[in-house]
């Protein structure tokens, strides 16, 4: 089966924390749902990098119209919620 193991094993917050850890060279264990993105040095460029990394991990695409919602994320949980919303119905 070609489905990524990440997709099957991780909840959205864990997936986002893992991606943030890879983009920002952080230990994802320190990231919680309420962790402010700015407190960990996650600016808009990093948010977009995380979003693209998650898309690549899942081998899916999302409409660019969803980027405004993703960029409005203030916490790890917000980013996870916007990730779920942006990818809902993509059929990845």
PDB file of N, CA and C in Angstrom:
ATOM      1  N   UNK A   1       0.837  -1.170   0.000  1.00  0.00           N
ATOM      2  CA  UNK A   1       0.000   0.000   0.000  1.00  0.00           C
ATOM      3  C   UNK A   1       0.885   1.238   0.000  1.00  0.00           C
ATOM      4  N   UNK A   2       0.544   2.259  -0.760  1.00  0.00           N
ATOM      5  CA  UNK A   2       1.395   3.430  -0.897  1.00  0.00           C
ATOM      6  C   UNK A   2       1.074   4.532   0.103  1.00  0.00           C
ATOM      7  N   UNK A   3       0.115   4.331   0.990  1.00  0.00           N
ATOM      8  CA  UNK A   3      -0.233   5.344   1.962  1.00  0.00           C
ATOM      9  C   UNK A   3       0.898   5.511   2.962  1.00  0.00           C
ATOM     10  N   UNK A   4       1.242   6.746   3.229  1.00  0.00           N
ATOM     11  CA  UNK A   4       2.323   7.047   4.155  1.00  0.00           C
ATOM     12  C   UNK A   4       1.996   6.548   5.553  1.00  0.00           C
ATOM     13  N   UNK A   5       2.953   5.922   6.242  1.00  0.00           N
ATOM     14  CA  UNK A   5       2.720   5.499   7.624  1.00  0.00           C
ATOM     15  C   UNK A   5       2.383   6.665   8.543  1.00  0.00           C
ATOM     16  N   UNK A   6       2.922   7.863   8.258  1.00  0.00           N
ATOM     17  CA  UNK A   6       2.613   9.036   9.071  1.00  0.00           C
ATOM     18  C   UNK A   6       1.116   9.303   9.075  1.00  0.00           C
ATOM     19  N   UNK A   7       0.509   9.169   7.939  1.00  0.00           N
ATOM     20  CA  UNK A   7      -0.917   9.461   7.822  1.00  0.00           C
ATOM     21  C   UNK A   7      -1.731   8.515   8.681  1.00  0.00           C
ATOM     22  N   UNK A   8      -1.298   7.297   8.799  1.00  0.00           N
ATOM     23  CA  UNK A   8      -2.047   6.306   9.542  1.00  0.00           C
ATOM     24  C   UNK A   8      -1.807   6.385  11.041  1.00  0.00           C
ATOM     25  N   UNK A   9      -0.650   6.885  11.457  1.00  0.00           N
ATOM     26  CA  UNK A   9      -0.282   6.765  12.862  1.00  0.00           C
ATOM     27  C   UNK A   9      -0.330   8.061  13.659  1.00  0.00           C
ATOM     28  N   UNK A  10      -0.449   9.206  13.032  1.00  0.00           N
ATOM     29  CA  UNK A  10      -0.346  10.456  13.766  1.00  0.00           C
ATOM     30  C   UNK A  10      -1.635  11.263  13.734  1.00  0.00           C
ATOM     31  N   UNK A  11      -1.965  11.832  14.894  1.00  0.00           N
ATOM     32  CA  UNK A  11      -3.061  12.789  14.916  1.00  0.00           C
ATOM     33  C   UNK A  11      -2.521  14.113  14.369  1.00  0.00           C
ATOM     34  N   UNK A  12      -3.395  15.039  13.983  1.00  0.00           N
ATOM     35  CA  UNK A  12      -2.921  16.282  13.354  1.00  0.00           C
ATOM     36  C   UNK A  12      -1.934  17.079  14.204  1.00  0.00           C
ATOM     37  N   UNK A  13      -2.148  17.179  15.509  1.00  0.00           N
ATOM     38  CA  UNK A  13      -1.227  17.943  16.349  1.00  0.00           C
ATOM     39  C   UNK A  13       0.150  17.294  16.367  1.00  0.00           C
ATOM     40  N   UNK A  14       0.193  15.980  16.456  1.00  0.00           N
ATOM     41  CA  UNK A  14       1.474  15.270  16.445  1.00  0.00           C
ATOM     42  C   UNK A  14       2.163  15.424  15.100  1.00  0.00           C
ATOM     43  N   UNK A  15       1.406  15.343  14.020  1.00  0.00           N
ATOM     44  CA  UNK A  15       1.991  15.509  12.685  1.00  0.00           C
ATOM     45  C   UNK A  15       2.562  16.906  12.508  1.00  0.00           C
ATOM     46  N   UNK A  16       1.820  17.918  12.971  1.00  0.00           N
ATOM     47  CA  UNK A  16       2.299  19.301  12.870  1.00  0.00           C
ATOM     48  C   UNK A  16       3.526  19.497  13.760  1.00  0.00           C
ATOM     49  N   UNK A  17       3.504  18.963  14.967  1.00  0.00           N
ATOM     50  CA  UNK A  17       4.665  19.086  15.861  1.00  0.00           C
ATOM     51  C   UNK A  17       5.894  18.431  15.236  1.00  0.00           C
ATOM     52  N   UNK A  18       5.713  17.268  14.617  1.00  0.00           N
ATOM     53  CA  UNK A  18       6.821  16.589  13.955  1.00  0.00           C
ATOM     54  C   UNK A  18       7.373  17.444  12.810  1.00  0.00           C
ATOM     55  N   UNK A  19       6.469  17.998  11.999  1.00  0.00           N
ATOM     56  CA  UNK A  19       6.900  18.833  10.875  1.00  0.00           C
ATOM     57  C   UNK A  19       7.583  20.110  11.378  1.00  0.00           C
ATOM     58  N   UNK A  20       7.026  20.730  12.420  1.00  0.00           N
ATOM     59  CA  UNK A  20       7.672  21.913  12.998  1.00  0.00           C
ATOM     60  C   UNK A  20       9.072  21.567  13.504  1.00  0.00           C
ATOM     61  N   UNK A  21       9.194  20.415  14.129  1.00  0.00           N
ATOM     62  CA  UNK A  21      10.497  19.979  14.610  1.00  0.00           C
ATOM     63  C   UNK A  21      11.502  19.839  13.490  1.00  0.00           C
ATOM     64  N   UNK A  22      11.057  19.300  12.368  1.00  0.00           N
ATOM     65  CA  UNK A  22      11.968  19.141  11.222  1.00  0.00           C
ATOM     66  C   UNK A  22      12.319  20.477  10.600  1.00  0.00           C
ATOM     67  N   UNK A  23      11.358  21.374  10.478  1.00  0.00           N
ATOM     68  CA  UNK A  23      11.613  22.672   9.839  1.00  0.00           C
ATOM     69  C   UNK A  23      12.454  23.578  10.732  1.00  0.00           C
ATOM     70  N   UNK A  24      12.151  23.575  12.027  1.00  0.00           N
ATOM     71  CA  UNK A  24      12.822  24.502  12.940  1.00  0.00           C
ATOM     72  C   UNK A  24      13.934  23.860  13.771  1.00  0.00           C
ATOM     73  N   UNK A  25      14.240  22.603  13.505  1.00  0.00           N
ATOM     74  CA  UNK A  25      15.272  21.863  14.246  1.00  0.00           C
ATOM     75  C   UNK A  25      14.984  21.880  15.754  1.00  0.00           C
ATOM     76  N   UNK A  26      13.739  21.524  16.099  1.00  0.00           N
ATOM     77  CA  UNK A  26      13.301  21.438  17.488  1.00  0.00           C
ATOM     78  C   UNK A  26      12.901  20.010  17.811  1.00  0.00           C
ATOM     79  N   UNK A  27      12.915  19.674  19.085  1.00  0.00           N
ATOM     80  CA  UNK A  27      12.394  18.388  19.528  1.00  0.00           C
ATOM     81  C   UNK A  27      10.873  18.504  19.571  1.00  0.00           C
ATOM     82  N   UNK A  28      10.145  17.752  18.752  1.00  0.00           N
ATOM     83  CA  UNK A  28       8.687  17.885  18.714  1.00  0.00           C
ATOM     84  C   UNK A  28       8.001  17.559  20.039  1.00  0.00           C
ATOM     85  N   UNK A  29       8.688  16.868  20.927  1.00  0.00           N
ATOM     86  CA  UNK A  29       8.107  16.512  22.224  1.00  0.00           C
ATOM     87  C   UNK A  29       7.815  17.766  23.061  1.00  0.00           C
ATOM     88  N   UNK A  30       8.559  18.848  22.833  1.00  0.00           N
ATOM     89  CA  UNK A  30       8.356  20.063  23.620  1.00  0.00           C
ATOM     90  C   UNK A  30       7.155  20.870  23.148  1.00  0.00           C
ATOM     91  N   UNK A  31       6.593  20.518  22.004  1.00  0.00           N
ATOM     92  CA  UNK A  31       5.498  21.290  21.423  1.00  0.00           C
ATOM     93  C   UNK A  31       4.152  20.747  21.868  1.00  0.00           C
ATOM     94  N   UNK A  32       3.318  21.653  22.357  1.00  0.00           N
ATOM     95  CA  UNK A  32       1.968  21.285  22.766  1.00  0.00           C
ATOM     96  C   UNK A  32       0.974  22.038  21.904  1.00  0.00           C
ATOM     97  N   UNK A  33      -0.270  21.652  21.997  1.00  0.00           N
ATOM     98  CA  UNK A  33      -1.342  22.293  21.223  1.00  0.00           C
ATOM     99  C   UNK A  33      -1.350  23.802  21.455  1.00  0.00           C
ATOM    100  N   UNK A  34      -1.076  24.252  22.678  1.00  0.00           N
ATOM    101  CA  UNK A  34      -1.173  25.675  22.999  1.00  0.00           C
ATOM    102  C   UNK A  34       0.162  26.428  22.863  1.00  0.00           C
ATOM    103  N   UNK A  35       1.180  25.793  22.304  1.00  0.00           N
ATOM    104  CA  UNK A  35       2.471  26.463  22.104  1.00  0.00           C
ATOM    105  C   UNK A  35       2.332  27.549  21.042  1.00  0.00           C
ATOM    106  N   UNK A  36       2.618  28.809  21.399  1.00  0.00           N
ATOM    107  CA  UNK A  36       2.559  29.884  20.395  1.00  0.00           C
ATOM    108  C   UNK A  36       3.651  29.699  19.335  1.00  0.00           C
ATOM    109  N   UNK A  37       3.279  29.834  18.092  1.00  0.00           N
ATOM    110  CA  UNK A  37       4.244  29.651  17.005  1.00  0.00           C
ATOM    111  C   UNK A  37       5.361  30.689  17.063  1.00  0.00           C
ATOM    112  N   UNK A  38       5.027  31.920  17.379  1.00  0.00           N
ATOM    113  CA  UNK A  38       6.065  32.958  17.446  1.00  0.00           C
ATOM    114  C   UNK A  38       7.075  32.685  18.552  1.00  0.00           C
ATOM    115  N   UNK A  39       6.647  32.043  19.635  1.00  0.00           N
ATOM    116  CA  UNK A  39       7.561  31.733  20.732  1.00  0.00           C
ATOM    117  C   UNK A  39       8.631  30.714  20.340  1.00  0.00           C
ATOM    118  N   UNK A  40       8.376  29.937  19.298  1.00  0.00           N
ATOM    119  CA  UNK A  40       9.361  28.950  18.858  1.00  0.00           C
ATOM    120  C   UNK A  40      10.061  29.391  17.566  1.00  0.00           C
ATOM    121  N   UNK A  41       9.858  30.656  17.195  1.00  0.00           N
ATOM    122  CA  UNK A  41      10.525  31.202  16.018  1.00  0.00           C
ATOM    123  C   UNK A  41       9.875  30.819  14.703  1.00  0.00           C
ATOM    124  N   UNK A  42       8.605  30.497  14.743  1.00  0.00           N
ATOM    125  CA  UNK A  42       7.900  30.066  13.542  1.00  0.00           C
ATOM    126  C   UNK A  42       7.184  31.259  12.903  1.00  0.00           C
ATOM    127  N   UNK A  43       7.812  31.812  11.876  1.00  0.00           N
ATOM    128  CA  UNK A  43       7.210  32.921  11.145  1.00  0.00           C
ATOM    129  C   UNK A  43       6.410  32.381   9.961  1.00  0.00           C
ATOM    130  N   UNK A  44       5.891  33.273   9.119  1.00  0.00           N
ATOM    131  CA  UNK A  44       5.070  32.851   7.983  1.00  0.00           C
ATOM    132  C   UNK A  44       5.813  31.925   7.022  1.00  0.00           C
ATOM    133  N   UNK A  45       7.092  32.188   6.827  1.00  0.00           N
ATOM    134  CA  UNK A  45       7.880  31.330   5.927  1.00  0.00           C
ATOM    135  C   UNK A  45       7.974  29.916   6.501  1.00  0.00           C
ATOM    136  N   UNK A  46       8.202  29.818   7.805  1.00  0.00           N
ATOM    137  CA  UNK A  46       8.268  28.502   8.442  1.00  0.00           C
ATOM    138  C   UNK A  46       6.912  27.802   8.396  1.00  0.00           C
ATOM    139  N   UNK A  47       5.822  28.559   8.604  1.00  0.00           N
ATOM    140  CA  UNK A  47       4.481  27.966   8.523  1.00  0.00           C
ATOM    141  C   UNK A  47       4.253  27.382   7.132  1.00  0.00           C
ATOM    142  N   UNK A  48       4.624  28.121   6.108  1.00  0.00           N
ATOM    143  CA  UNK A  48       4.471  27.607   4.738  1.00  0.00           C
ATOM    144  C   UNK A  48       5.354  26.384   4.503  1.00  0.00           C
ATOM    145  N   UNK A  49       6.553  26.384   5.055  1.00  0.00           N
ATOM    146  CA  UNK A  49       7.444  25.225   4.917  1.00  0.00           C
ATOM    147  C   UNK A  49       6.839  24.006   5.601  1.00  0.00           C
ATOM    148  N   UNK A  50       6.247  24.202   6.777  1.00  0.00           N
ATOM    149  CA  UNK A  50       5.587  23.106   7.489  1.00  0.00           C
ATOM    150  C   UNK A  50       4.418  22.583   6.669  1.00  0.00           C
ATOM    151  N   UNK A  51       3.611  23.489   6.149  1.00  0.00           N
ATOM    152  CA  UNK A  51       2.454  23.104   5.340  1.00  0.00           C
ATOM    153  C   UNK A  51       2.891  22.291   4.124  1.00  0.00           C
ATOM    154  N   UNK A  52       3.926  22.754   3.436  1.00  0.00           N
ATOM    155  CA  UNK A  52       4.429  22.035   2.261  1.00  0.00           C
ATOM    156  C   UNK A  52       5.011  20.679   2.647  1.00  0.00           C
ATOM    157  N   UNK A  53       5.693  20.610   3.766  1.00  0.00           N
ATOM    158  CA  UNK A  53       6.254  19.348   4.241  1.00  0.00           C
ATOM    159  C   UNK A  53       5.145  18.342   4.551  1.00  0.00           C
ATOM    160  N   UNK A  54       4.088  18.808   5.204  1.00  0.00           N
ATOM    161  CA  UNK A  54       2.959  17.922   5.500  1.00  0.00           C
ATOM    162  C   UNK A  54       2.286  17.437   4.222  1.00  0.00           C
ATOM    163  N   UNK A  55       2.120  18.339   3.265  1.00  0.00           N
ATOM    164  CA  UNK A  55       1.543  17.929   1.976  1.00  0.00           C
ATOM    165  C   UNK A  55       2.405  16.864   1.314  1.00  0.00           C
ATOM    166  N   UNK A  56       3.706  17.067   1.337  1.00  0.00           N
ATOM    167  CA  UNK A  56       4.621  16.089   0.728  1.00  0.00           C
ATOM    168  C   UNK A  56       4.582  14.760   1.475  1.00  0.00           C
ATOM    169  N   UNK A  57       4.528  14.812   2.807  1.00  0.00           N
ATOM    170  CA  UNK A  57       4.453  13.584   3.599  1.00  0.00           C
ATOM    171  C   UNK A  57       3.211  12.768   3.249  1.00  0.00           C
ATOM    172  N   UNK A  58       2.125  13.460   2.984  1.00  0.00           N
ATOM    173  CA  UNK A  58       0.863  12.782   2.701  1.00  0.00           C
ATOM    174  C   UNK A  58       0.646  12.551   1.206  1.00  0.00           C
ATOM    175  N   UNK A  59       1.554  13.083   0.389  1.00  0.00           N
ATOM    176  CA  UNK A  59       1.453  12.965  -1.063  1.00  0.00           C
ATOM    177  C   UNK A  59       0.098  13.465  -1.567  1.00  0.00           C
ATOM    178  N   UNK A  60      -0.276  14.661  -1.090  1.00  0.00           N
ATOM    179  CA  UNK A  60      -1.529  15.282  -1.518  1.00  0.00           C
ATOM    180  C   UNK A  60      -1.282  16.738  -1.874  1.00  0.00           C
ATOM    181  N   UNK A  61      -2.284  17.376  -2.421  1.00  0.00           N
ATOM    182  CA  UNK A  61      -2.249  18.802  -2.687  1.00  0.00           C
ATOM    183  C   UNK A  61      -3.418  19.449  -1.958  1.00  0.00           C
ATOM    184  N   UNK A  62      -3.327  20.725  -1.743  1.00  0.00           N
ATOM    185  CA  UNK A  62      -4.412  21.479  -1.132  1.00  0.00           C
ATOM    186  C   UNK A  62      -4.566  22.773  -1.916  1.00  0.00           C
ATOM    187  N   UNK A  63      -5.762  23.288  -1.984  1.00  0.00           N
ATOM    188  CA  UNK A  63      -5.971  24.534  -2.725  1.00  0.00           C
ATOM    189  C   UNK A  63      -5.220  25.701  -2.085  1.00  0.00           C
ATOM    190  N   UNK A  64      -4.641  26.546  -2.907  1.00  0.00           N
ATOM    191  CA  UNK A  64      -3.906  27.695  -2.379  1.00  0.00           C
ATOM    192  C   UNK A  64      -4.832  28.665  -1.654  1.00  0.00           C
ATOM    193  N   UNK A  65      -6.120  28.573  -1.889  1.00  0.00           N
ATOM    194  CA  UNK A  65      -7.075  29.434  -1.182  1.00  0.00           C
ATOM    195  C   UNK A  65      -7.077  29.167   0.315  1.00  0.00           C
ATOM    196  N   UNK A  66      -6.559  28.028   0.737  1.00  0.00           N
ATOM    197  CA  UNK A  66      -6.515  27.675   2.158  1.00  0.00           C
ATOM    198  C   UNK A  66      -5.313  28.280   2.873  1.00  0.00           C
ATOM    199  N   UNK A  67      -4.387  28.879   2.148  1.00  0.00           N
ATOM    200  CA  UNK A  67      -3.169  29.393   2.768  1.00  0.00           C
ATOM    201  C   UNK A  67      -3.436  30.524   3.754  1.00  0.00           C
ATOM    202  N   UNK A  68      -4.446  31.349   3.494  1.00  0.00           N
ATOM    203  CA  UNK A  68      -4.761  32.444   4.415  1.00  0.00           C
ATOM    204  C   UNK A  68      -5.104  31.905   5.803  1.00  0.00           C
ATOM    205  N   UNK A  69      -5.898  30.840   5.850  1.00  0.00           N
ATOM    206  CA  UNK A  69      -6.260  30.210   7.120  1.00  0.00           C
ATOM    207  C   UNK A  69      -5.018  29.630   7.800  1.00  0.00           C
ATOM    208  N   UNK A  70      -4.174  28.978   7.029  1.00  0.00           N
ATOM    209  CA  UNK A  70      -2.949  28.384   7.577  1.00  0.00           C
ATOM    210  C   UNK A  70      -2.039  29.479   8.138  1.00  0.00           C
ATOM    211  N   UNK A  71      -1.885  30.564   7.409  1.00  0.00           N
ATOM    212  CA  UNK A  71      -1.008  31.653   7.850  1.00  0.00           C
ATOM    213  C   UNK A  71      -1.563  32.407   9.053  1.00  0.00           C
ATOM    214  N   UNK A  72      -2.845  32.307   9.312  1.00  0.00           N
ATOM    215  CA  UNK A  72      -3.455  32.974  10.466  1.00  0.00           C
ATOM    216  C   UNK A  72      -3.246  32.191  11.764  1.00  0.00           C
ATOM    217  N   UNK A  73      -2.652  31.028  11.688  1.00  0.00           N
ATOM    218  CA  UNK A  73      -2.446  30.186  12.870  1.00  0.00           C
ATOM    219  C   UNK A  73      -1.525  30.871  13.873  1.00  0.00           C
ATOM    220  N   UNK A  74      -1.936  30.835  15.151  1.00  0.00           N
ATOM    221  CA  UNK A  74      -1.139  31.450  16.210  1.00  0.00           C
ATOM    222  C   UNK A  74      -0.466  30.412  17.106  1.00  0.00           C
ATOM    223  N   UNK A  75      -1.022  29.200  17.154  1.00  0.00           N
ATOM    224  CA  UNK A  75      -0.480  28.141  18.013  1.00  0.00           C
ATOM    225  C   UNK A  75      -0.310  26.856  17.207  1.00  0.00           C
ATOM    226  N   UNK A  76       0.359  25.898  17.808  1.00  0.00           N
ATOM    227  CA  UNK A  76       0.506  24.586  17.169  1.00  0.00           C
ATOM    228  C   UNK A  76      -0.878  23.987  16.892  1.00  0.00           C
ATOM    229  N   UNK A  77      -1.792  24.119  17.839  1.00  0.00           N
ATOM    230  CA  UNK A  77      -3.141  23.594  17.657  1.00  0.00           C
ATOM    231  C   UNK A  77      -3.891  24.283  16.539  1.00  0.00           C
ATOM    232  N   UNK A  78      -3.740  25.607  16.430  1.00  0.00           N
ATOM    233  CA  UNK A  78      -4.367  26.337  15.321  1.00  0.00           C
ATOM    234  C   UNK A  78      -3.843  25.824  13.985  1.00  0.00           C
ATOM    235  N   UNK A  79      -2.532  25.610  13.920  1.00  0.00           N
ATOM    236  CA  UNK A  79      -1.923  25.128  12.679  1.00  0.00           C
ATOM    237  C   UNK A  79      -2.432  23.725  12.352  1.00  0.00           C
ATOM    238  N   UNK A  80      -2.572  22.879  13.358  1.00  0.00           N
ATOM    239  CA  UNK A  80      -3.108  21.529  13.136  1.00  0.00           C
ATOM    240  C   UNK A  80      -4.555  21.607  12.644  1.00  0.00           C
ATOM    241  N   UNK A  81      -5.352  22.468  13.263  1.00  0.00           N
ATOM    242  CA  UNK A  81      -6.750  22.612  12.845  1.00  0.00           C
ATOM    243  C   UNK A  81      -6.850  23.147  11.426  1.00  0.00           C
ATOM    244  N   UNK A  82      -6.017  24.133  11.085  1.00  0.00           N
ATOM    245  CA  UNK A  82      -6.064  24.679   9.729  1.00  0.00           C
ATOM    246  C   UNK A  82      -5.545  23.667   8.716  1.00  0.00           C
ATOM    247  N   UNK A  83      -4.576  22.843   9.123  1.00  0.00           N
ATOM    248  CA  UNK A  83      -4.082  21.759   8.263  1.00  0.00           C
ATOM    249  C   UNK A  83      -5.212  20.797   7.928  1.00  0.00           C
ATOM    250  N   UNK A  84      -5.958  20.385   8.940  1.00  0.00           N
ATOM    251  CA  UNK A  84      -7.086  19.472   8.728  1.00  0.00           C
ATOM    252  C   UNK A  84      -8.116  20.114   7.809  1.00  0.00           C
ATOM    253  N   UNK A  85      -8.435  21.385   8.059  1.00  0.00           N
ATOM    254  CA  UNK A  85      -9.404  22.079   7.223  1.00  0.00           C
ATOM    255  C   UNK A  85      -8.940  22.237   5.788  1.00  0.00           C
ATOM    256  N   UNK A  86      -7.659  22.530   5.612  1.00  0.00           N
ATOM    257  CA  UNK A  86      -7.116  22.737   4.269  1.00  0.00           C
ATOM    258  C   UNK A  86      -7.057  21.463   3.451  1.00  0.00           C
ATOM    259  N   UNK A  87      -6.917  20.337   4.112  1.00  0.00           N
ATOM    260  CA  UNK A  87      -6.748  19.076   3.386  1.00  0.00           C
ATOM    261  C   UNK A  87      -8.002  18.226   3.372  1.00  0.00           C
ATOM    262  N   UNK A  88      -9.040  18.668   4.025  1.00  0.00           N
ATOM    263  CA  UNK A  88     -10.295  17.911   4.051  1.00  0.00           C
ATOM    264  C   UNK A  88     -10.805  17.735   2.613  1.00  0.00           C
ATOM    265  N   UNK A  89     -11.108  16.531   2.262  1.00  0.00           N
ATOM    266  CA  UNK A  89     -11.667  16.254   0.952  1.00  0.00           C
ATOM    267  C   UNK A  89     -10.661  16.170  -0.182  1.00  0.00           C
ATOM    268  N   UNK A  90      -9.359  16.108   0.148  1.00  0.00           N
ATOM    269  CA  UNK A  90      -8.358  16.032  -0.911  1.00  0.00           C
ATOM    270  C   UNK A  90      -8.194  14.615  -1.431  1.00  0.00           C
ATOM    271  N   UNK A  91      -8.666  13.653  -0.661  1.00  0.00           N
ATOM    272  CA  UNK A  91      -8.600  12.277  -1.124  1.00  0.00           C
ATOM    273  C   UNK A  91      -7.225  11.677  -1.146  1.00  0.00           C
ATOM    274  N   UNK A  92      -6.268  12.280  -0.428  1.00  0.00           N
ATOM    275  CA  UNK A  92      -4.891  11.833  -0.400  1.00  0.00           C
ATOM    276  C   UNK A  92      -4.790  10.439   0.058  1.00  0.00           C
TER     277      UNK A  92
END
